Amino acid sequence: MDPNLIVKTATALLTLGIFGGVIMATTRFRGEPRPATWLAMLHGLAAAAALTLLLYASLTIGLATIVNVALTLFIAAAAGGLVMNLKYHWQLRPLPVWLVVVHAALAASGYLLLLASVFSTHV
């Protein structure tokens, strides 16, 4: 199992998830109470697939410290995403803007660290 390939694959999946996240955040900041359900599910699926890949690789073959820090940030972002989905979206309640911002900040920080690892020499 090649850790470089796993990190690059996770980065590609997260890049897809970012597009959905930006659209959903923009929707919320424009005053809509919540995004389209299909978009939220697609965003979560891409992010969860990437998170699963990174977690598996970290636990089985080991990854660089920077990737593990990114993974920790993604786990925290995922917790926020789950809260938004289960406590707000599915109960047809408006998503709290502060939670959207914290979720995005955690995920973006992790993504930047992951990108840094992709463009470095070691994973």
PDB file of N, CA and C in Angstrom:
ATOM      1  N   MET A   1       0.857  -1.165   0.000  1.00  0.00           N
ATOM      2  CA  MET A   1       0.000   0.000   0.000  1.00  0.00           C
ATOM      3  C   MET A   1       0.910   1.237   0.000  1.00  0.00           C
ATOM      4  N   ASP A   2       0.684   2.111  -0.944  1.00  0.00           N
ATOM      5  CA  ASP A   2       1.511   3.296  -1.119  1.00  0.00           C
ATOM      6  C   ASP A   2       0.885   4.491  -0.390  1.00  0.00           C
ATOM      7  N   PRO A   3       1.544   4.992   0.655  1.00  0.00           N
ATOM      8  CA  PRO A   3       0.960   6.119   1.397  1.00  0.00           C
ATOM      9  C   PRO A   3       0.796   7.375   0.542  1.00  0.00           C
ATOM     10  N   ASN A   4       1.699   7.590  -0.404  1.00  0.00           N
ATOM     11  CA  ASN A   4       1.578   8.757  -1.282  1.00  0.00           C
ATOM     12  C   ASN A   4       0.295   8.699  -2.101  1.00  0.00           C
ATOM     13  N   LEU A   5      -0.004   7.536  -2.634  1.00  0.00           N
ATOM     14  CA  LEU A   5      -1.216   7.375  -3.436  1.00  0.00           C
ATOM     15  C   LEU A   5      -2.465   7.566  -2.580  1.00  0.00           C
ATOM     16  N   ILE A   6      -2.440   7.051  -1.370  1.00  0.00           N
ATOM     17  CA  ILE A   6      -3.589   7.201  -0.483  1.00  0.00           C
ATOM     18  C   ILE A   6      -3.819   8.672  -0.151  1.00  0.00           C
ATOM     19  N   VAL A   7      -2.758   9.390   0.175  1.00  0.00           N
ATOM     20  CA  VAL A   7      -2.901  10.812   0.515  1.00  0.00           C
ATOM     21  C   VAL A   7      -3.373  11.598  -0.707  1.00  0.00           C
ATOM     22  N   LYS A   8      -2.856  11.280  -1.879  1.00  0.00           N
ATOM     23  CA  LYS A   8      -3.289  11.982  -3.097  1.00  0.00           C
ATOM     24  C   LYS A   8      -4.752  11.671  -3.418  1.00  0.00           C
ATOM     25  N   THR A   9      -5.162  10.437  -3.222  1.00  0.00           N
ATOM     26  CA  THR A   9      -6.558  10.064  -3.467  1.00  0.00           C
ATOM     27  C   THR A   9      -7.480  10.783  -2.485  1.00  0.00           C
ATOM     28  N   ALA A  10      -7.083  10.810  -1.225  1.00  0.00           N
ATOM     29  CA  ALA A  10      -7.876  11.518  -0.221  1.00  0.00           C
ATOM     30  C   ALA A  10      -7.951  13.012  -0.548  1.00  0.00           C
ATOM     31  N   THR A  11      -6.857  13.566  -1.020  1.00  0.00           N
ATOM     32  CA  THR A  11      -6.851  14.982  -1.403  1.00  0.00           C
ATOM     33  C   THR A  11      -7.814  15.236  -2.556  1.00  0.00           C
ATOM     34  N   ALA A  12      -7.838  14.340  -3.530  1.00  0.00           N
ATOM     35  CA  ALA A  12      -8.762  14.491  -4.657  1.00  0.00           C
ATOM     36  C   ALA A  12     -10.213  14.415  -4.182  1.00  0.00           C
ATOM     37  N   LEU A  13     -10.516  13.470  -3.302  1.00  0.00           N
ATOM     38  CA  LEU A  13     -11.877  13.355  -2.770  1.00  0.00           C
ATOM     39  C   LEU A  13     -12.267  14.602  -1.974  1.00  0.00           C
ATOM     40  N   LEU A  14     -11.333  15.100  -1.192  1.00  0.00           N
ATOM     41  CA  LEU A  14     -11.624  16.302  -0.412  1.00  0.00           C
ATOM     42  C   LEU A  14     -11.788  17.528  -1.300  1.00  0.00           C
ATOM     43  N   THR A  15     -11.080  17.559  -2.406  1.00  0.00           N
ATOM     44  CA  THR A  15     -11.249  18.664  -3.351  1.00  0.00           C
ATOM     45  C   THR A  15     -12.671  18.672  -3.894  1.00  0.00           C
ATOM     46  N   LEU A  16     -13.201  17.503  -4.210  1.00  0.00           N
ATOM     47  CA  LEU A  16     -14.601  17.415  -4.642  1.00  0.00           C
ATOM     48  C   LEU A  16     -15.537  17.881  -3.527  1.00  0.00           C
ATOM     49  N   GLY A  17     -15.246  17.448  -2.313  1.00  0.00           N
ATOM     50  CA  GLY A  17     -16.069  17.847  -1.177  1.00  0.00           C
ATOM     51  C   GLY A  17     -16.030  19.343  -0.918  1.00  0.00           C
ATOM     52  N   ILE A  18     -14.887  19.953  -1.187  1.00  0.00           N
ATOM     53  CA  ILE A  18     -14.755  21.401  -0.977  1.00  0.00           C
ATOM     54  C   ILE A  18     -15.708  22.173  -1.879  1.00  0.00           C
ATOM     55  N   PHE A  19     -15.824  21.750  -3.117  1.00  0.00           N
ATOM     56  CA  PHE A  19     -16.743  22.447  -4.027  1.00  0.00           C
ATOM     57  C   PHE A  19     -18.162  22.456  -3.466  1.00  0.00           C
ATOM     58  N   GLY A  20     -18.605  21.307  -2.985  1.00  0.00           N
ATOM     59  CA  GLY A  20     -19.934  21.233  -2.375  1.00  0.00           C
ATOM     60  C   GLY A  20     -20.020  22.075  -1.120  1.00  0.00           C
ATOM     61  N   GLY A  21     -18.964  22.065  -0.309  1.00  0.00           N
ATOM     62  CA  GLY A  21     -18.961  22.841   0.918  1.00  0.00           C
ATOM     63  C   GLY A  21     -19.034  24.340   0.663  1.00  0.00           C
ATOM     64  N   VAL A  22     -18.316  24.803  -0.338  1.00  0.00           N
ATOM     65  CA  VAL A  22     -18.351  26.232  -0.666  1.00  0.00           C
ATOM     66  C   VAL A  22     -19.748  26.636  -1.142  1.00  0.00           C
ATOM     67  N   ILE A  23     -20.351  25.794  -1.958  1.00  0.00           N
ATOM     68  CA  ILE A  23     -21.706  26.089  -2.440  1.00  0.00           C
ATOM     69  C   ILE A  23     -22.688  26.115  -1.267  1.00  0.00           C
ATOM     70  N   MET A  24     -22.566  25.140  -0.369  1.00  0.00           N
ATOM     71  CA  MET A  24     -23.483  25.094   0.772  1.00  0.00           C
ATOM     72  C   MET A  24     -23.278  26.274   1.713  1.00  0.00           C
ATOM     73  N   ALA A  25     -22.030  26.629   1.981  1.00  0.00           N
ATOM     74  CA  ALA A  25     -21.769  27.769   2.863  1.00  0.00           C
ATOM     75  C   ALA A  25     -22.299  29.056   2.239  1.00  0.00           C
ATOM     76  N   THR A  26     -22.081  29.215   0.952  1.00  0.00           N
ATOM     77  CA  THR A  26     -22.589  30.405   0.257  1.00  0.00           C
ATOM     78  C   THR A  26     -24.106  30.467   0.345  1.00  0.00           C
ATOM     79  N   THR A  27     -24.748  29.342   0.188  1.00  0.00           N
ATOM     80  CA  THR A  27     -26.205  29.269   0.304  1.00  0.00           C
ATOM     81  C   THR A  27     -26.653  29.734   1.684  1.00  0.00           C
ATOM     82  N   ARG A  28     -25.949  29.260   2.716  1.00  0.00           N
ATOM     83  CA  ARG A  28     -26.333  29.632   4.088  1.00  0.00           C
ATOM     84  C   ARG A  28     -26.068  31.107   4.353  1.00  0.00           C
ATOM     85  N   PHE A  29     -24.930  31.619   3.878  1.00  0.00           N
ATOM     86  CA  PHE A  29     -24.594  33.026   4.110  1.00  0.00           C
ATOM     87  C   PHE A  29     -25.524  33.969   3.355  1.00  0.00           C
ATOM     88  N   ARG A  30     -26.170  33.477   2.317  1.00  0.00           N
ATOM     89  CA  ARG A  30     -27.133  34.291   1.569  1.00  0.00           C
ATOM     90  C   ARG A  30     -28.522  34.273   2.199  1.00  0.00           C
ATOM     91  N   GLY A  31     -28.677  33.557   3.285  1.00  0.00           N
ATOM     92  CA  GLY A  31     -29.938  33.599   4.007  1.00  0.00           C
ATOM     93  C   GLY A  31     -30.798  32.351   3.918  1.00  0.00           C
ATOM     94  N   GLU A  32     -30.438  31.381   3.093  1.00  0.00           N
ATOM     95  CA  GLU A  32     -31.186  30.124   3.060  1.00  0.00           C
ATOM     96  C   GLU A  32     -30.937  29.389   4.378  1.00  0.00           C
ATOM     97  N   PRO A  33     -31.946  28.714   4.916  1.00  0.00           N
ATOM     98  CA  PRO A  33     -31.756  28.054   6.213  1.00  0.00           C
ATOM     99  C   PRO A  33     -30.833  26.834   6.149  1.00  0.00           C
ATOM    100  N   ARG A  34     -30.826  26.160   5.012  1.00  0.00           N
ATOM    101  CA  ARG A  34     -29.984  24.965   4.869  1.00  0.00           C
ATOM    102  C   ARG A  34     -29.828  24.646   3.382  1.00  0.00           C
ATOM    103  N   PRO A  35     -28.783  23.900   3.035  1.00  0.00           N
ATOM    104  CA  PRO A  35     -28.544  23.577   1.628  1.00  0.00           C
ATOM    105  C   PRO A  35     -29.441  22.438   1.153  1.00  0.00           C
ATOM    106  N   ALA A  36     -29.354  22.157  -0.125  1.00  0.00           N
ATOM    107  CA  ALA A  36     -30.077  21.019  -0.692  1.00  0.00           C
ATOM    108  C   ALA A  36     -29.555  19.723  -0.064  1.00  0.00           C
ATOM    109  N   THR A  37     -30.453  18.830   0.237  1.00  0.00           N
ATOM    110  CA  THR A  37     -30.079  17.578   0.890  1.00  0.00           C
ATOM    111  C   THR A  37     -29.116  16.761   0.041  1.00  0.00           C
ATOM    112  N   TRP A  38     -29.353  16.685  -1.257  1.00  0.00           N
ATOM    113  CA  TRP A  38     -28.483  15.882  -2.120  1.00  0.00           C
ATOM    114  C   TRP A  38     -27.053  16.417  -2.099  1.00  0.00           C
ATOM    115  N   LEU A  39     -26.904  17.730  -2.027  1.00  0.00           N
ATOM    116  CA  LEU A  39     -25.570  18.322  -2.005  1.00  0.00           C
ATOM    117  C   LEU A  39     -24.879  18.045  -0.670  1.00  0.00           C
ATOM    118  N   ALA A  40     -25.628  18.142   0.410  1.00  0.00           N
ATOM    119  CA  ALA A  40     -25.061  17.845   1.724  1.00  0.00           C
ATOM    120  C   ALA A  40     -24.607  16.381   1.799  1.00  0.00           C
ATOM    121  N   MET A  41     -25.398  15.481   1.240  1.00  0.00           N
ATOM    122  CA  MET A  41     -25.034  14.064   1.265  1.00  0.00           C
ATOM    123  C   MET A  41     -23.807  13.784   0.394  1.00  0.00           C
ATOM    124  N   LEU A  42     -23.732  14.401  -0.768  1.00  0.00           N
ATOM    125  CA  LEU A  42     -22.586  14.225  -1.657  1.00  0.00           C
ATOM    126  C   LEU A  42     -21.313  14.772  -1.007  1.00  0.00           C
ATOM    127  N   HIS A  43     -21.420  15.934  -0.401  1.00  0.00           N
ATOM    128  CA  HIS A  43     -20.299  16.551   0.311  1.00  0.00           C
ATOM    129  C   HIS A  43     -19.814  15.626   1.428  1.00  0.00           C
ATOM    130  N   GLY A  44     -20.745  15.134   2.236  1.00  0.00           N
ATOM    131  CA  GLY A  44     -20.395  14.248   3.344  1.00  0.00           C
ATOM    132  C   GLY A  44     -19.806  12.928   2.882  1.00  0.00           C
ATOM    133  N   LEU A  45     -20.324  12.398   1.793  1.00  0.00           N
ATOM    134  CA  LEU A  45     -19.813  11.127   1.267  1.00  0.00           C
ATOM    135  C   LEU A  45     -18.373  11.266   0.807  1.00  0.00           C
ATOM    136  N   ALA A  46     -18.073  12.314   0.058  1.00  0.00           N
ATOM    137  CA  ALA A  46     -16.701  12.527  -0.421  1.00  0.00           C
ATOM    138  C   ALA A  46     -15.746  12.725   0.753  1.00  0.00           C
ATOM    139  N   ALA A  47     -16.168  13.539   1.717  1.00  0.00           N
ATOM    140  CA  ALA A  47     -15.316  13.794   2.876  1.00  0.00           C
ATOM    141  C   ALA A  47     -15.128  12.538   3.725  1.00  0.00           C
ATOM    142  N   ALA A  48     -16.196  11.777   3.914  1.00  0.00           N
ATOM    143  CA  ALA A  48     -16.103  10.554   4.713  1.00  0.00           C
ATOM    144  C   ALA A  48     -15.217   9.512   4.041  1.00  0.00           C
ATOM    145  N   ALA A  49     -15.286   9.420   2.726  1.00  0.00           N
ATOM    146  CA  ALA A  49     -14.425   8.479   2.001  1.00  0.00           C
ATOM    147  C   ALA A  49     -12.953   8.855   2.191  1.00  0.00           C
ATOM    148  N   ALA A  50     -12.657  10.141   2.091  1.00  0.00           N
ATOM    149  CA  ALA A  50     -11.282  10.608   2.285  1.00  0.00           C
ATOM    150  C   ALA A  50     -10.827  10.371   3.719  1.00  0.00           C
ATOM    151  N   LEU A  51     -11.688  10.684   4.659  1.00  0.00           N
ATOM    152  CA  LEU A  51     -11.366  10.492   6.071  1.00  0.00           C
ATOM    153  C   LEU A  51     -11.098   9.015   6.369  1.00  0.00           C
ATOM    154  N   THR A  52     -11.899   8.145   5.808  1.00  0.00           N
ATOM    155  CA  THR A  52     -11.717   6.709   6.016  1.00  0.00           C
ATOM    156  C   THR A  52     -10.383   6.233   5.450  1.00  0.00           C
ATOM    157  N   LEU A  53     -10.041   6.691   4.254  1.00  0.00           N
ATOM    158  CA  LEU A  53      -8.752   6.336   3.661  1.00  0.00           C
ATOM    159  C   LEU A  53      -7.591   6.779   4.537  1.00  0.00           C
ATOM    160  N   LEU A  54      -7.635   8.026   4.972  1.00  0.00           N
ATOM    161  CA  LEU A  54      -6.541   8.547   5.794  1.00  0.00           C
ATOM    162  C   LEU A  54      -6.449   7.842   7.136  1.00  0.00           C
ATOM    163  N   LEU A  55      -7.584   7.575   7.746  1.00  0.00           N
ATOM    164  CA  LEU A  55      -7.588   6.899   9.039  1.00  0.00           C
ATOM    165  C   LEU A  55      -7.034   5.480   8.913  1.00  0.00           C
ATOM    166  N   TYR A  56      -7.468   4.768   7.882  1.00  0.00           N
ATOM    167  CA  TYR A  56      -6.974   3.409   7.650  1.00  0.00           C
ATOM    168  C   TYR A  56      -5.459   3.410   7.430  1.00  0.00           C
ATOM    169  N   ALA A  57      -4.991   4.308   6.579  1.00  0.00           N
ATOM    170  CA  ALA A  57      -3.556   4.370   6.290  1.00  0.00           C
ATOM    171  C   ALA A  57      -2.768   4.759   7.540  1.00  0.00           C
ATOM    172  N   SER A  58      -3.284   5.680   8.302  1.00  0.00           N
ATOM    173  CA  SER A  58      -2.592   6.116   9.508  1.00  0.00           C
ATOM    174  C   SER A  58      -2.456   4.975  10.514  1.00  0.00           C
ATOM    175  N   LEU A  59      -3.510   4.191  10.641  1.00  0.00           N
ATOM    176  CA  LEU A  59      -3.499   3.103  11.629  1.00  0.00           C
ATOM    177  C   LEU A  59      -2.746   1.867  11.154  1.00  0.00           C
ATOM    178  N   THR A  60      -2.638   1.662   9.849  1.00  0.00           N
ATOM    179  CA  THR A  60      -2.007   0.433   9.359  1.00  0.00           C
ATOM    180  C   THR A  60      -0.569   0.625   8.894  1.00  0.00           C
ATOM    181  N   ILE A  61      -0.315   1.634   8.081  1.00  0.00           N
ATOM    182  CA  ILE A  61       1.037   1.801   7.544  1.00  0.00           C
ATOM    183  C   ILE A  61       1.757   3.010   8.106  1.00  0.00           C
ATOM    184  N   GLY A  62       1.027   3.883   8.734  1.00  0.00           N
ATOM    185  CA  GLY A  62       1.614   5.086   9.297  1.00  0.00           C
ATOM    186  C   GLY A  62       1.763   6.182   8.254  1.00  0.00           C
ATOM    187  N   LEU A  63       1.529   7.392   8.676  1.00  0.00           N
ATOM    188  CA  LEU A  63       1.648   8.554   7.803  1.00  0.00           C
ATOM    189  C   LEU A  63       2.491   9.608   8.498  1.00  0.00           C
ATOM    190  N   ALA A  64       2.933  10.580   7.732  1.00  0.00           N
ATOM    191  CA  ALA A  64       3.733  11.664   8.298  1.00  0.00           C
ATOM    192  C   ALA A  64       2.924  12.428   9.342  1.00  0.00           C
ATOM    193  N   THR A  65       3.619  13.072  10.233  1.00  0.00           N
ATOM    194  CA  THR A  65       2.980  13.833  11.305  1.00  0.00           C
ATOM    195  C   THR A  65       2.025  14.886  10.749  1.00  0.00           C
ATOM    196  N   ILE A  66       2.419  15.572   9.701  1.00  0.00           N
ATOM    197  CA  ILE A  66       1.575  16.623   9.131  1.00  0.00           C
ATOM    198  C   ILE A  66       0.243  16.052   8.637  1.00  0.00           C
ATOM    199  N   VAL A  67       0.281  14.837   8.092  1.00  0.00           N
ATOM    200  CA  VAL A  67      -0.954  14.195   7.623  1.00  0.00           C
ATOM    201  C   VAL A  67      -1.813  13.784   8.815  1.00  0.00           C
ATOM    202  N   ASN A  68      -1.176  13.311   9.878  1.00  0.00           N
ATOM    203  CA  ASN A  68      -1.934  12.940  11.071  1.00  0.00           C
ATOM    204  C   ASN A  68      -2.566  14.150  11.744  1.00  0.00           C
ATOM    205  N   VAL A  69      -1.893  15.292  11.713  1.00  0.00           N
ATOM    206  CA  VAL A  69      -2.492  16.521  12.238  1.00  0.00           C
ATOM    207  C   VAL A  69      -3.691  16.908  11.378  1.00  0.00           C
ATOM    208  N   ALA A  70      -3.523  16.815  10.051  1.00  0.00           N
ATOM    209  CA  ALA A  70      -4.637  17.097   9.136  1.00  0.00           C
ATOM    210  C   ALA A  70      -5.802  16.148   9.422  1.00  0.00           C
ATOM    211  N   LEU A  71      -5.506  14.886   9.637  1.00  0.00           N
ATOM    212  CA  LEU A  71      -6.531  13.895   9.941  1.00  0.00           C
ATOM    213  C   LEU A  71      -7.292  14.266  11.216  1.00  0.00           C
ATOM    214  N   THR A  72      -6.587  14.722  12.224  1.00  0.00           N
ATOM    215  CA  THR A  72      -7.230  15.151  13.470  1.00  0.00           C
ATOM    216  C   THR A  72      -8.176  16.324  13.217  1.00  0.00           C
ATOM    217  N   LEU A  73      -7.741  17.281  12.408  1.00  0.00           N
ATOM    218  CA  LEU A  73      -8.605  18.412  12.061  1.00  0.00           C
ATOM    219  C   LEU A  73      -9.832  17.947  11.277  1.00  0.00           C
ATOM    220  N   PHE A  74      -9.647  16.979  10.373  1.00  0.00           N
ATOM    221  CA  PHE A  74     -10.780  16.455   9.599  1.00  0.00           C
ATOM    222  C   PHE A  74     -11.766  15.718  10.498  1.00  0.00           C
ATOM    223  N   ILE A  75     -11.271  15.014  11.487  1.00  0.00           N
ATOM    224  CA  ILE A  75     -12.163  14.319  12.424  1.00  0.00           C
ATOM    225  C   ILE A  75     -13.002  15.337  13.191  1.00  0.00           C
ATOM    226  N   ALA A  76     -12.375  16.423  13.631  1.00  0.00           N
ATOM    227  CA  ALA A  76     -13.119  17.481  14.331  1.00  0.00           C
ATOM    228  C   ALA A  76     -14.140  18.136  13.393  1.00  0.00           C
ATOM    229  N   ALA A  77     -13.734  18.380  12.140  1.00  0.00           N
ATOM    230  CA  ALA A  77     -14.662  18.961  11.154  1.00  0.00           C
ATOM    231  C   ALA A  77     -15.823  18.007  10.891  1.00  0.00           C
ATOM    232  N   ALA A  78     -15.521  16.716  10.821  1.00  0.00           N
ATOM    233  CA  ALA A  78     -16.574  15.725  10.584  1.00  0.00           C
ATOM    234  C   ALA A  78     -17.581  15.706  11.731  1.00  0.00           C
ATOM    235  N   ALA A  79     -17.088  15.872  12.949  1.00  0.00           N
ATOM    236  CA  ALA A  79     -18.011  15.927  14.093  1.00  0.00           C
ATOM    237  C   ALA A  79     -18.962  17.110  13.946  1.00  0.00           C
ATOM    238  N   GLY A  80     -18.433  18.251  13.548  1.00  0.00           N
ATOM    239  CA  GLY A  80     -19.288  19.414  13.312  1.00  0.00           C
ATOM    240  C   GLY A  80     -20.269  19.185  12.178  1.00  0.00           C
ATOM    241  N   GLY A  81     -19.810  18.513  11.134  1.00  0.00           N
ATOM    242  CA  GLY A  81     -20.690  18.189  10.008  1.00  0.00           C
ATOM    243  C   GLY A  81     -21.821  17.257  10.415  1.00  0.00           C
ATOM    244  N   LEU A  82     -21.498  16.283  11.260  1.00  0.00           N
ATOM    245  CA  LEU A  82     -22.539  15.380  11.752  1.00  0.00           C
ATOM    246  C   LEU A  82     -23.576  16.122  12.582  1.00  0.00           C
ATOM    247  N   VAL A  83     -23.112  17.033  13.427  1.00  0.00           N
ATOM    248  CA  VAL A  83     -24.046  17.821  14.241  1.00  0.00           C
ATOM    249  C   VAL A  83     -24.951  18.649  13.335  1.00  0.00           C
ATOM    250  N   MET A  84     -24.340  19.309  12.342  1.00  0.00           N
ATOM    251  CA  MET A  84     -25.164  20.117  11.428  1.00  0.00           C
ATOM    252  C   MET A  84     -26.190  19.260  10.698  1.00  0.00           C
ATOM    253  N   ASN A  85     -25.764  18.074  10.277  1.00  0.00           N
ATOM    254  CA  ASN A  85     -26.667  17.209   9.529  1.00  0.00           C
ATOM    255  C   ASN A  85     -27.786  16.662  10.406  1.00  0.00           C
ATOM    256  N   LEU A  86     -27.423  16.071  11.527  1.00  0.00           N
ATOM    257  CA  LEU A  86     -28.414  15.366  12.339  1.00  0.00           C
ATOM    258  C   LEU A  86     -29.250  16.293  13.226  1.00  0.00           C
ATOM    259  N   LYS A  87     -28.629  17.314  13.783  1.00  0.00           N
ATOM    260  CA  LYS A  87     -29.347  18.175  14.716  1.00  0.00           C
ATOM    261  C   LYS A  87     -30.086  19.322  14.026  1.00  0.00           C
ATOM    262  N   TYR A  88     -29.609  19.714  12.869  1.00  0.00           N
ATOM    263  CA  TYR A  88     -30.208  20.868  12.206  1.00  0.00           C
ATOM    264  C   TYR A  88     -30.844  20.511  10.864  1.00  0.00           C
ATOM    265  N   HIS A  89     -30.039  19.982   9.947  1.00  0.00           N
ATOM    266  CA  HIS A  89     -30.544  19.767   8.586  1.00  0.00           C
ATOM    267  C   HIS A  89     -31.758  18.827   8.557  1.00  0.00           C
ATOM    268  N   TRP A  90     -31.620  17.667   9.179  1.00  0.00           N
ATOM    269  CA  TRP A  90     -32.705  16.687   9.124  1.00  0.00           C
ATOM    270  C   TRP A  90     -33.911  17.076   9.965  1.00  0.00           C
ATOM    271  N   GLN A  91     -33.728  18.001  10.876  1.00  0.00           N
ATOM    272  CA  GLN A  91     -34.859  18.490  11.672  1.00  0.00           C
ATOM    273  C   GLN A  91     -35.414  19.787  11.084  1.00  0.00           C
ATOM    274  N   LEU A  92     -34.942  20.117   9.875  1.00  0.00           N
ATOM    275  CA  LEU A  92     -35.416  21.293   9.130  1.00  0.00           C
ATOM    276  C   LEU A  92     -35.224  22.595   9.899  1.00  0.00           C
ATOM    277  N   ARG A  93     -34.135  22.640  10.669  1.00  0.00           N
ATOM    278  CA  ARG A  93     -33.784  23.850  11.402  1.00  0.00           C
ATOM    279  C   ARG A  93     -32.667  24.573  10.662  1.00  0.00           C
ATOM    280  N   PRO A  94     -32.613  25.890  10.734  1.00  0.00           N
ATOM    281  CA  PRO A  94     -31.524  26.624  10.069  1.00  0.00           C
ATOM    282  C   PRO A  94     -30.167  26.253  10.664  1.00  0.00           C
ATOM    283  N   LEU A  95     -29.176  26.091   9.801  1.00  0.00           N
ATOM    284  CA  LEU A  95     -27.835  25.788  10.273  1.00  0.00           C
ATOM    285  C   LEU A  95     -27.249  27.028  10.962  1.00  0.00           C
ATOM    286  N   PRO A  96     -26.658  26.856  12.144  1.00  0.00           N
ATOM    287  CA  PRO A  96     -26.026  28.007  12.802  1.00  0.00           C
ATOM    288  C   PRO A  96     -24.802  28.470  11.996  1.00  0.00           C
ATOM    289  N   VAL A  97     -24.756  29.741  11.699  1.00  0.00           N
ATOM    290  CA  VAL A  97     -23.662  30.274  10.893  1.00  0.00           C
ATOM    291  C   VAL A  97     -22.320  30.043  11.579  1.00  0.00           C
ATOM    292  N   TRP A  98     -22.274  30.190  12.890  1.00  0.00           N
ATOM    293  CA  TRP A  98     -21.013  29.992  13.600  1.00  0.00           C
ATOM    294  C   TRP A  98     -20.501  28.566  13.424  1.00  0.00           C
ATOM    295  N   LEU A  99     -21.409  27.600  13.409  1.00  0.00           N
ATOM    296  CA  LEU A  99     -20.997  26.206  13.248  1.00  0.00           C
ATOM    297  C   LEU A  99     -20.518  25.946  11.822  1.00  0.00           C
ATOM    298  N   VAL A 100     -21.159  26.557  10.855  1.00  0.00           N
ATOM    299  CA  VAL A 100     -20.705  26.453   9.461  1.00  0.00           C
ATOM    300  C   VAL A 100     -19.282  26.999   9.350  1.00  0.00           C
ATOM    301  N   VAL A 101     -19.024  28.133   9.986  1.00  0.00           N
ATOM    302  CA  VAL A 101     -17.704  28.764   9.914  1.00  0.00           C
ATOM    303  C   VAL A 101     -16.642  27.905  10.605  1.00  0.00           C
ATOM    304  N   VAL A 102     -16.943  27.397  11.786  1.00  0.00           N
ATOM    305  CA  VAL A 102     -15.983  26.551  12.509  1.00  0.00           C
ATOM    306  C   VAL A 102     -15.700  25.274  11.715  1.00  0.00           C
ATOM    307  N   HIS A 103     -16.746  24.650  11.194  1.00  0.00           N
ATOM    308  CA  HIS A 103     -16.599  23.440  10.372  1.00  0.00           C
ATOM    309  C   HIS A 103     -15.694  23.722   9.179  1.00  0.00           C
ATOM    310  N   ALA A 104     -15.955  24.812   8.499  1.00  0.00           N
ATOM    311  CA  ALA A 104     -15.162  25.168   7.316  1.00  0.00           C
ATOM    312  C   ALA A 104     -13.716  25.485   7.688  1.00  0.00           C
ATOM    313  N   ALA A 105     -13.511  26.179   8.795  1.00  0.00           N
ATOM    314  CA  ALA A 105     -12.152  26.537   9.213  1.00  0.00           C
ATOM    315  C   ALA A 105     -11.331  25.291   9.559  1.00  0.00           C
ATOM    316  N   LEU A 106     -11.944  24.360  10.263  1.00  0.00           N
ATOM    317  CA  LEU A 106     -11.242  23.114  10.599  1.00  0.00           C
ATOM    318  C   LEU A 106     -10.896  22.318   9.339  1.00  0.00           C
ATOM    319  N   ALA A 107     -11.879  22.184   8.459  1.00  0.00           N
ATOM    320  CA  ALA A 107     -11.661  21.419   7.235  1.00  0.00           C
ATOM    321  C   ALA A 107     -10.634  22.095   6.332  1.00  0.00           C
ATOM    322  N   ALA A 108     -10.710  23.407   6.200  1.00  0.00           N
ATOM    323  CA  ALA A 108      -9.756  24.128   5.351  1.00  0.00           C
ATOM    324  C   ALA A 108      -8.338  24.026   5.911  1.00  0.00           C
ATOM    325  N   SER A 109      -8.194  24.117   7.216  1.00  0.00           N
ATOM    326  CA  SER A 109      -6.870  23.977   7.836  1.00  0.00           C
ATOM    327  C   SER A 109      -6.293  22.592   7.567  1.00  0.00           C
ATOM    328  N   GLY A 110      -7.115  21.574   7.744  1.00  0.00           N
ATOM    329  CA  GLY A 110      -6.669  20.217   7.452  1.00  0.00           C
ATOM    330  C   GLY A 110      -6.305  20.028   5.992  1.00  0.00           C
ATOM    331  N   TYR A 111      -7.115  20.615   5.118  1.00  0.00           N
ATOM    332  CA  TYR A 111      -6.873  20.493   3.682  1.00  0.00           C
ATOM    333  C   TYR A 111      -5.548  21.160   3.299  1.00  0.00           C
ATOM    334  N   LEU A 112      -5.269  22.321   3.863  1.00  0.00           N
ATOM    335  CA  LEU A 112      -4.010  23.002   3.555  1.00  0.00           C
ATOM    336  C   LEU A 112      -2.810  22.189   4.039  1.00  0.00           C
ATOM    337  N   LEU A 113      -2.929  21.582   5.208  1.00  0.00           N
ATOM    338  CA  LEU A 113      -1.851  20.707   5.687  1.00  0.00           C
ATOM    339  C   LEU A 113      -1.689  19.492   4.779  1.00  0.00           C
ATOM    340  N   LEU A 114      -2.806  18.934   4.343  1.00  0.00           N
ATOM    341  CA  LEU A 114      -2.744  17.783   3.448  1.00  0.00           C
ATOM    342  C   LEU A 114      -2.098  18.163   2.123  1.00  0.00           C
ATOM    343  N   LEU A 115      -2.458  19.318   1.594  1.00  0.00           N
ATOM    344  CA  LEU A 115      -1.822  19.800   0.356  1.00  0.00           C
ATOM    345  C   LEU A 115      -0.323  19.992   0.553  1.00  0.00           C
ATOM    346  N   ALA A 116       0.049  20.536   1.697  1.00  0.00           N
ATOM    347  CA  ALA A 116       1.480  20.721   1.979  1.00  0.00           C
ATOM    348  C   ALA A 116       2.203  19.383   1.969  1.00  0.00           C
ATOM    349  N   SER A 117       1.565  18.356   2.493  1.00  0.00           N
ATOM    350  CA  SER A 117       2.204  17.032   2.505  1.00  0.00           C
ATOM    351  C   SER A 117       2.289  16.442   1.101  1.00  0.00           C
ATOM    352  N   VAL A 118       1.295  16.709   0.269  1.00  0.00           N
ATOM    353  CA  VAL A 118       1.295  16.186  -1.101  1.00  0.00           C
ATOM    354  C   VAL A 118       2.460  16.798  -1.892  1.00  0.00           C
ATOM    355  N   PHE A 119       2.700  18.086  -1.651  1.00  0.00           N
ATOM    356  CA  PHE A 119       3.754  18.758  -2.406  1.00  0.00           C
ATOM    357  C   PHE A 119       5.117  18.688  -1.742  1.00  0.00           C
ATOM    358  N   SER A 120       5.196  18.008  -0.609  1.00  0.00           N
ATOM    359  CA  SER A 120       6.503  17.794   0.023  1.00  0.00           C
ATOM    360  C   SER A 120       7.072  16.463  -0.467  1.00  0.00           C
ATOM    361  N   THR A 121       8.230  16.108   0.016  1.00  0.00           N
ATOM    362  CA  THR A 121       8.880  14.893  -0.465  1.00  0.00           C
ATOM    363  C   THR A 121       8.475  13.646   0.311  1.00  0.00           C
ATOM    364  N   HIS A 122       7.966  13.812   1.533  1.00  0.00           N
ATOM    365  CA  HIS A 122       7.621  12.650   2.354  1.00  0.00           C
ATOM    366  C   HIS A 122       6.165  12.695   2.771  1.00  0.00           C
ATOM    367  N   VAL A 123       5.553  11.528   2.766  1.00  0.00           N
ATOM    368  CA  VAL A 123       4.193  11.373   3.296  1.00  0.00           C
ATOM    369  C   VAL A 123       4.305  10.380   4.381  1.00  0.00           C
TER     370      VAL A 123
END
